Amino acid sequence: MMNRPVKMTAIAVFAVLSLFSCKHNTDAGIDEAQFCAFISEQNFEATGPIINSFLETLPADNPVENLQLLNDWLNNIHCIEKSVILCNSCIETYPPQSELRIDFLVNGQSIPMTLDILMDNPLTYRAFHE
């Protein structure tokens, strides 16, 4: 049986490790299969609600970090070859708008598109364009 100081230290260490090992689950409930089905049909606009569902899982009041989290999430989707942030709040609208360049994989070919994101709270999908 552990003595009290050792037991309290073990509990404290476990609590600290638990805090640092927790990971924000940013893709809970996000349907990657449906997302890629829309991409294979080249129905890019249909992914808007899926993108917004992801954006709603992100912490509030941190648009710059959330834009990076969106980019990271997109780079982990199997039907996306790569995603790159082109600019952050570079389009002067209200709220400002950012752009990401996404290379989609469709039938073995890369299709580049630009994704517009409104830098609102939460960030919001606006549109795709070439």
N, C-alpha and C. Protein backbone atom coordinates (compact mmCIF):
# COMPACT_ATOMS: atom_id res chain seq x y z
N MET A 1 0.84 -1.18 0.00
CA MET A 1 0.00 0.00 0.00
C MET A 1 0.88 1.25 0.00
N MET A 2 0.52 2.24 -0.82
CA MET A 2 1.31 3.47 -0.91
C MET A 2 1.07 4.35 0.29
N ASN A 3 2.14 5.08 0.68
CA ASN A 3 1.90 6.05 1.74
C ASN A 3 1.27 7.30 1.13
N ARG A 4 0.70 8.13 1.95
CA ARG A 4 -0.12 9.26 1.50
C ARG A 4 0.63 10.24 0.57
N PRO A 5 1.87 10.71 0.89
CA PRO A 5 2.56 11.65 -0.01
C PRO A 5 2.84 11.05 -1.39
N VAL A 6 3.21 9.76 -1.43
CA VAL A 6 3.48 9.11 -2.71
C VAL A 6 2.19 8.99 -3.52
N LYS A 7 1.12 8.65 -2.83
CA LYS A 7 -0.18 8.50 -3.50
C LYS A 7 -0.63 9.85 -4.07
N MET A 8 -0.50 10.93 -3.30
CA MET A 8 -0.90 12.27 -3.76
C MET A 8 -0.03 12.71 -4.94
N THR A 9 1.26 12.40 -4.89
CA THR A 9 2.15 12.74 -6.00
C THR A 9 1.76 11.98 -7.26
N ALA A 10 1.44 10.71 -7.11
CA ALA A 10 1.03 9.90 -8.26
C ALA A 10 -0.25 10.45 -8.87
N ILE A 11 -1.20 10.86 -8.05
CA ILE A 11 -2.45 11.42 -8.55
C ILE A 11 -2.18 12.74 -9.28
N ALA A 12 -1.32 13.57 -8.71
CA ALA A 12 -0.99 14.86 -9.33
C ALA A 12 -0.32 14.66 -10.69
N VAL A 13 0.63 13.73 -10.75
CA VAL A 13 1.32 13.44 -12.01
C VAL A 13 0.33 12.93 -13.05
N PHE A 14 -0.55 12.02 -12.66
CA PHE A 14 -1.56 11.49 -13.57
C PHE A 14 -2.47 12.60 -14.10
N ALA A 15 -2.87 13.51 -13.21
CA ALA A 15 -3.75 14.61 -13.61
C ALA A 15 -3.06 15.52 -14.62
N VAL A 16 -1.80 15.86 -14.38
CA VAL A 16 -1.05 16.72 -15.31
C VAL A 16 -0.88 16.02 -16.66
N LEU A 17 -0.51 14.75 -16.63
CA LEU A 17 -0.35 14.01 -17.89
C LEU A 17 -1.66 13.91 -18.65
N SER A 18 -2.76 13.76 -17.95
CA SER A 18 -4.08 13.69 -18.60
C SER A 18 -4.40 14.99 -19.30
N LEU A 19 -4.07 16.11 -18.67
CA LEU A 19 -4.34 17.41 -19.28
C LEU A 19 -3.55 17.59 -20.58
N PHE A 20 -2.27 17.20 -20.56
CA PHE A 20 -1.44 17.39 -21.72
C PHE A 20 -1.69 16.36 -22.81
N SER A 21 -2.27 15.24 -22.48
CA SER A 21 -2.52 14.22 -23.49
C SER A 21 -3.87 14.40 -24.15
N CYS A 22 -4.72 15.27 -23.60
CA CYS A 22 -6.02 15.51 -24.21
C CYS A 22 -5.81 16.25 -25.52
N LYS A 23 -6.55 15.86 -26.50
CA LYS A 23 -6.45 16.45 -27.82
C LYS A 23 -7.83 16.92 -28.22
N HIS A 24 -7.90 18.14 -28.72
CA HIS A 24 -9.19 18.66 -29.17
C HIS A 24 -9.62 17.85 -30.39
N ASN A 25 -10.76 17.21 -30.30
CA ASN A 25 -11.24 16.36 -31.39
C ASN A 25 -11.93 17.22 -32.43
N THR A 26 -11.15 17.72 -33.40
CA THR A 26 -11.66 18.66 -34.38
C THR A 26 -12.38 18.00 -35.53
N ASP A 27 -12.40 16.68 -35.60
CA ASP A 27 -13.09 16.06 -36.72
C ASP A 27 -14.24 15.16 -36.26
N ALA A 28 -14.69 15.35 -35.03
CA ALA A 28 -15.80 14.54 -34.52
C ALA A 28 -17.04 14.79 -35.36
N GLY A 29 -17.61 13.75 -35.87
CA GLY A 29 -18.85 13.87 -36.63
C GLY A 29 -18.68 14.36 -38.06
N ILE A 30 -17.47 14.56 -38.51
CA ILE A 30 -17.24 15.06 -39.86
C ILE A 30 -17.19 13.86 -40.80
N ASP A 31 -17.98 13.90 -41.86
CA ASP A 31 -18.11 12.77 -42.78
C ASP A 31 -17.16 12.93 -43.97
N GLU A 32 -15.94 12.41 -43.80
CA GLU A 32 -14.93 12.51 -44.85
C GLU A 32 -15.36 11.75 -46.11
N ALA A 33 -16.04 10.62 -45.95
CA ALA A 33 -16.49 9.84 -47.11
C ALA A 33 -17.46 10.65 -47.95
N GLN A 34 -18.40 11.34 -47.30
CA GLN A 34 -19.35 12.18 -48.04
C GLN A 34 -18.64 13.36 -48.69
N PHE A 35 -17.70 13.96 -47.96
CA PHE A 35 -16.91 15.07 -48.50
C PHE A 35 -16.24 14.64 -49.80
N CYS A 36 -15.56 13.50 -49.77
CA CYS A 36 -14.83 13.02 -50.96
C CYS A 36 -15.78 12.54 -52.06
N ALA A 37 -16.97 12.08 -51.69
CA ALA A 37 -17.96 11.73 -52.71
C ALA A 37 -18.37 12.98 -53.49
N PHE A 38 -18.59 14.09 -52.79
CA PHE A 38 -18.90 15.35 -53.47
C PHE A 38 -17.74 15.78 -54.38
N ILE A 39 -16.52 15.60 -53.90
CA ILE A 39 -15.34 15.98 -54.69
C ILE A 39 -15.24 15.11 -55.93
N SER A 40 -15.48 13.82 -55.81
CA SER A 40 -15.38 12.94 -56.98
C SER A 40 -16.43 13.31 -58.03
N GLU A 41 -17.54 13.90 -57.61
CA GLU A 41 -18.57 14.38 -58.54
C GLU A 41 -18.28 15.81 -59.01
N GLN A 42 -17.19 16.39 -58.52
CA GLN A 42 -16.80 17.78 -58.77
C GLN A 42 -17.90 18.75 -58.34
N ASN A 43 -18.57 18.38 -57.28
CA ASN A 43 -19.61 19.21 -56.68
C ASN A 43 -19.00 19.89 -55.45
N PHE A 44 -18.07 20.80 -55.70
CA PHE A 44 -17.28 21.41 -54.63
C PHE A 44 -18.16 22.19 -53.65
N GLU A 45 -19.15 22.91 -54.17
CA GLU A 45 -20.02 23.72 -53.31
C GLU A 45 -20.76 22.87 -52.28
N ALA A 46 -21.05 21.62 -52.60
CA ALA A 46 -21.79 20.75 -51.67
C ALA A 46 -20.97 20.45 -50.41
N THR A 47 -19.66 20.68 -50.45
CA THR A 47 -18.83 20.44 -49.26
C THR A 47 -18.94 21.58 -48.24
N GLY A 48 -19.58 22.68 -48.62
CA GLY A 48 -19.70 23.83 -47.72
C GLY A 48 -20.26 23.49 -46.34
N PRO A 49 -21.40 22.78 -46.26
CA PRO A 49 -21.92 22.43 -44.93
C PRO A 49 -20.97 21.53 -44.12
N ILE A 50 -20.23 20.67 -44.80
CA ILE A 50 -19.27 19.82 -44.09
C ILE A 50 -18.12 20.67 -43.55
N ILE A 51 -17.64 21.60 -44.37
CA ILE A 51 -16.58 22.51 -43.92
C ILE A 51 -17.08 23.33 -42.73
N ASN A 52 -18.31 23.86 -42.83
CA ASN A 52 -18.86 24.64 -41.71
C ASN A 52 -19.02 23.79 -40.45
N SER A 53 -19.40 22.53 -40.61
CA SER A 53 -19.50 21.64 -39.44
C SER A 53 -18.15 21.50 -38.75
N PHE A 54 -17.09 21.37 -39.54
CA PHE A 54 -15.76 21.31 -38.95
C PHE A 54 -15.43 22.62 -38.25
N LEU A 55 -15.68 23.74 -38.92
CA LEU A 55 -15.33 25.05 -38.36
C LEU A 55 -16.06 25.32 -37.04
N GLU A 56 -17.27 24.79 -36.90
CA GLU A 56 -18.04 24.98 -35.67
C GLU A 56 -17.45 24.21 -34.49
N THR A 57 -16.57 23.25 -34.74
CA THR A 57 -15.95 22.49 -33.65
C THR A 57 -14.73 23.21 -33.08
N LEU A 58 -14.28 24.27 -33.73
CA LEU A 58 -13.05 24.94 -33.31
C LEU A 58 -13.33 25.92 -32.18
N PRO A 59 -12.32 26.20 -31.35
CA PRO A 59 -12.50 27.14 -30.25
C PRO A 59 -12.84 28.55 -30.77
N ALA A 60 -13.63 29.28 -30.02
CA ALA A 60 -14.03 30.63 -30.43
C ALA A 60 -12.89 31.63 -30.26
N ASP A 61 -13.02 32.73 -30.95
CA ASP A 61 -12.15 33.90 -30.79
C ASP A 61 -10.68 33.66 -31.11
N ASN A 62 -10.38 32.79 -32.07
CA ASN A 62 -9.00 32.60 -32.49
C ASN A 62 -8.97 32.33 -33.99
N PRO A 63 -9.38 33.33 -34.81
CA PRO A 63 -9.53 33.09 -36.24
C PRO A 63 -8.23 32.73 -36.96
N VAL A 64 -7.12 33.29 -36.56
CA VAL A 64 -5.85 32.98 -37.24
C VAL A 64 -5.47 31.52 -37.02
N GLU A 65 -5.54 31.08 -35.77
CA GLU A 65 -5.23 29.68 -35.46
C GLU A 65 -6.26 28.75 -36.12
N ASN A 66 -7.52 29.16 -36.12
CA ASN A 66 -8.56 28.32 -36.71
C ASN A 66 -8.39 28.17 -38.21
N LEU A 67 -7.91 29.21 -38.87
CA LEU A 67 -7.62 29.10 -40.30
C LEU A 67 -6.53 28.06 -40.53
N GLN A 68 -5.52 28.05 -39.67
CA GLN A 68 -4.46 27.04 -39.77
C GLN A 68 -5.00 25.65 -39.47
N LEU A 69 -5.88 25.54 -38.48
CA LEU A 69 -6.49 24.24 -38.17
C LEU A 69 -7.33 23.72 -39.34
N LEU A 70 -8.03 24.63 -40.01
CA LEU A 70 -8.79 24.26 -41.20
C LEU A 70 -7.84 23.73 -42.27
N ASN A 71 -6.76 24.44 -42.50
CA ASN A 71 -5.78 24.02 -43.50
C ASN A 71 -5.19 22.64 -43.14
N ASP A 72 -4.86 22.44 -41.88
CA ASP A 72 -4.33 21.15 -41.44
C ASP A 72 -5.36 20.04 -41.66
N TRP A 73 -6.61 20.31 -41.31
CA TRP A 73 -7.68 19.32 -41.49
C TRP A 73 -7.83 18.96 -42.97
N LEU A 74 -7.84 19.97 -43.83
CA LEU A 74 -7.97 19.70 -45.26
C LEU A 74 -6.81 18.86 -45.78
N ASN A 75 -5.62 19.13 -45.29
CA ASN A 75 -4.45 18.37 -45.73
C ASN A 75 -4.48 16.91 -45.30
N ASN A 76 -5.37 16.58 -44.38
CA ASN A 76 -5.49 15.19 -43.91
C ASN A 76 -6.66 14.44 -44.54
N ILE A 77 -7.35 15.06 -45.47
CA ILE A 77 -8.45 14.39 -46.16
C ILE A 77 -7.88 13.68 -47.39
N HIS A 78 -8.23 12.42 -47.57
CA HIS A 78 -7.57 11.60 -48.59
C HIS A 78 -7.83 12.05 -50.03
N CYS A 79 -8.87 12.81 -50.30
CA CYS A 79 -9.13 13.26 -51.67
C CYS A 79 -8.54 14.65 -51.94
N ILE A 80 -7.73 15.13 -51.01
CA ILE A 80 -7.05 16.42 -51.19
C ILE A 80 -5.55 16.15 -51.27
N GLU A 81 -4.97 16.58 -52.38
CA GLU A 81 -3.53 16.43 -52.56
C GLU A 81 -2.77 17.38 -51.64
N LYS A 82 -3.21 18.66 -51.61
CA LYS A 82 -2.62 19.62 -50.68
C LYS A 82 -3.52 20.83 -50.56
N SER A 83 -3.37 21.49 -49.43
CA SER A 83 -4.08 22.73 -49.14
C SER A 83 -3.05 23.72 -48.60
N VAL A 84 -3.13 24.97 -49.09
CA VAL A 84 -2.19 26.00 -48.68
C VAL A 84 -2.98 27.29 -48.42
N ILE A 85 -2.67 27.96 -47.33
CA ILE A 85 -3.29 29.25 -47.06
C ILE A 85 -2.63 30.28 -47.98
N LEU A 86 -3.44 30.89 -48.85
CA LEU A 86 -2.92 31.92 -49.75
C LEU A 86 -2.82 33.25 -49.04
N CYS A 87 -3.85 33.58 -48.27
CA CYS A 87 -3.83 34.85 -47.56
C CYS A 87 -4.81 34.80 -46.40
N ASN A 88 -4.52 35.59 -45.39
CA ASN A 88 -5.35 35.66 -44.20
C ASN A 88 -5.96 37.06 -44.13
N SER A 89 -7.27 37.13 -44.24
CA SER A 89 -8.02 38.40 -44.16
C SER A 89 -7.56 39.40 -45.22
N CYS A 90 -7.22 38.90 -46.40
CA CYS A 90 -6.68 39.76 -47.45
C CYS A 90 -7.76 40.40 -48.32
N ILE A 91 -8.98 39.90 -48.24
CA ILE A 91 -10.06 40.47 -49.03
C ILE A 91 -10.89 41.33 -48.09
N GLU A 92 -10.95 42.61 -48.38
CA GLU A 92 -11.56 43.56 -47.47
C GLU A 92 -13.08 43.57 -47.61
N THR A 93 -13.69 42.62 -46.97
CA THR A 93 -15.14 42.55 -46.86
C THR A 93 -15.44 42.62 -45.37
N TYR A 94 -16.71 42.58 -45.03
CA TYR A 94 -17.05 42.51 -43.61
C TYR A 94 -17.88 41.27 -43.38
N PRO A 95 -17.39 40.28 -42.66
CA PRO A 95 -16.03 40.21 -42.10
C PRO A 95 -15.01 39.98 -43.21
N PRO A 96 -13.73 40.20 -42.90
CA PRO A 96 -12.69 39.96 -43.90
C PRO A 96 -12.73 38.51 -44.40
N GLN A 97 -12.15 38.32 -45.55
CA GLN A 97 -12.16 37.00 -46.18
C GLN A 97 -10.74 36.52 -46.41
N SER A 98 -10.53 35.22 -46.20
CA SER A 98 -9.24 34.58 -46.45
C SER A 98 -9.40 33.59 -47.58
N GLU A 99 -8.26 33.17 -48.16
CA GLU A 99 -8.29 32.21 -49.27
C GLU A 99 -7.31 31.07 -49.02
N LEU A 100 -7.75 29.87 -49.38
CA LEU A 100 -6.90 28.69 -49.36
C LEU A 100 -6.90 28.10 -50.77
N ARG A 101 -5.74 27.67 -51.22
CA ARG A 101 -5.64 26.98 -52.51
C ARG A 101 -5.63 25.49 -52.23
N ILE A 102 -6.58 24.77 -52.83
CA ILE A 102 -6.72 23.34 -52.58
C ILE A 102 -6.58 22.59 -53.89
N ASP A 103 -5.73 21.59 -53.89
CA ASP A 103 -5.59 20.69 -55.03
C ASP A 103 -6.33 19.41 -54.70
N PHE A 104 -7.49 19.22 -55.35
CA PHE A 104 -8.32 18.03 -55.14
C PHE A 104 -7.85 16.92 -56.05
N LEU A 105 -7.97 15.68 -55.60
CA LEU A 105 -7.66 14.51 -56.41
C LEU A 105 -8.97 13.93 -56.92
N VAL A 106 -9.16 13.99 -58.25
CA VAL A 106 -10.37 13.47 -58.87
C VAL A 106 -9.97 12.56 -60.02
N ASN A 107 -10.27 11.28 -59.88
CA ASN A 107 -9.94 10.29 -60.92
C ASN A 107 -8.47 10.37 -61.33
N GLY A 108 -7.59 10.49 -60.35
CA GLY A 108 -6.15 10.50 -60.60
C GLY A 108 -5.61 11.83 -61.10
N GLN A 109 -6.46 12.84 -61.23
CA GLN A 109 -6.01 14.15 -61.69
C GLN A 109 -6.15 15.17 -60.57
N SER A 110 -5.27 16.15 -60.59
CA SER A 110 -5.31 17.23 -59.61
C SER A 110 -6.15 18.38 -60.17
N ILE A 111 -7.12 18.82 -59.39
CA ILE A 111 -7.97 19.95 -59.78
C ILE A 111 -7.77 21.04 -58.75
N PRO A 112 -7.12 22.15 -59.14
CA PRO A 112 -6.91 23.24 -58.19
C PRO A 112 -8.15 24.13 -58.08
N MET A 113 -8.49 24.48 -56.85
CA MET A 113 -9.60 25.39 -56.58
C MET A 113 -9.17 26.32 -55.44
N THR A 114 -9.81 27.47 -55.38
CA THR A 114 -9.59 28.40 -54.29
C THR A 114 -10.82 28.40 -53.39
N LEU A 115 -10.59 28.25 -52.10
CA LEU A 115 -11.65 28.24 -51.10
C LEU A 115 -11.66 29.58 -50.39
N ASP A 116 -12.81 30.24 -50.37
CA ASP A 116 -12.98 31.51 -49.66
C ASP A 116 -13.60 31.22 -48.29
N ILE A 117 -13.00 31.79 -47.26
CA ILE A 117 -13.45 31.62 -45.89
C ILE A 117 -13.68 33.00 -45.28
N LEU A 118 -14.88 33.22 -44.74
CA LEU A 118 -15.15 34.46 -44.01
C LEU A 118 -14.57 34.34 -42.61
N MET A 119 -13.81 35.35 -42.22
CA MET A 119 -13.12 35.34 -40.93
C MET A 119 -14.06 35.84 -39.84
N ASP A 120 -15.18 35.17 -39.73
CA ASP A 120 -16.20 35.48 -38.74
C ASP A 120 -15.94 34.65 -37.50
N ASN A 121 -16.82 34.68 -36.53
CA ASN A 121 -16.67 33.87 -35.33
C ASN A 121 -17.92 33.01 -35.18
N PRO A 122 -17.93 31.76 -35.60
CA PRO A 122 -16.80 31.00 -36.12
C PRO A 122 -16.52 31.34 -37.59
N LEU A 123 -15.36 30.91 -38.08
CA LEU A 123 -15.06 31.04 -39.49
C LEU A 123 -16.18 30.38 -40.27
N THR A 124 -16.43 30.87 -41.49
CA THR A 124 -17.55 30.36 -42.28
C THR A 124 -17.12 30.15 -43.72
N TYR A 125 -17.53 29.01 -44.27
CA TYR A 125 -17.34 28.72 -45.69
C TYR A 125 -18.11 29.76 -46.50
N ARG A 126 -17.47 30.29 -47.56
CA ARG A 126 -18.16 31.22 -48.46
C ARG A 126 -18.37 30.62 -49.83
N ALA A 127 -17.27 30.16 -50.48
CA ALA A 127 -17.42 29.62 -51.84
C ALA A 127 -16.10 29.03 -52.31
N PHE A 128 -16.20 28.27 -53.41
CA PHE A 128 -15.04 27.81 -54.17
C PHE A 128 -15.03 28.55 -55.51
N HIS A 129 -13.84 28.80 -56.02
CA HIS A 129 -13.72 29.35 -57.38
C HIS A 129 -12.38 28.90 -57.95
N GLU A 130 -12.27 29.01 -59.27
CA GLU A 130 -11.02 28.60 -59.93
C GLU A 130 -9.97 29.67 -59.81
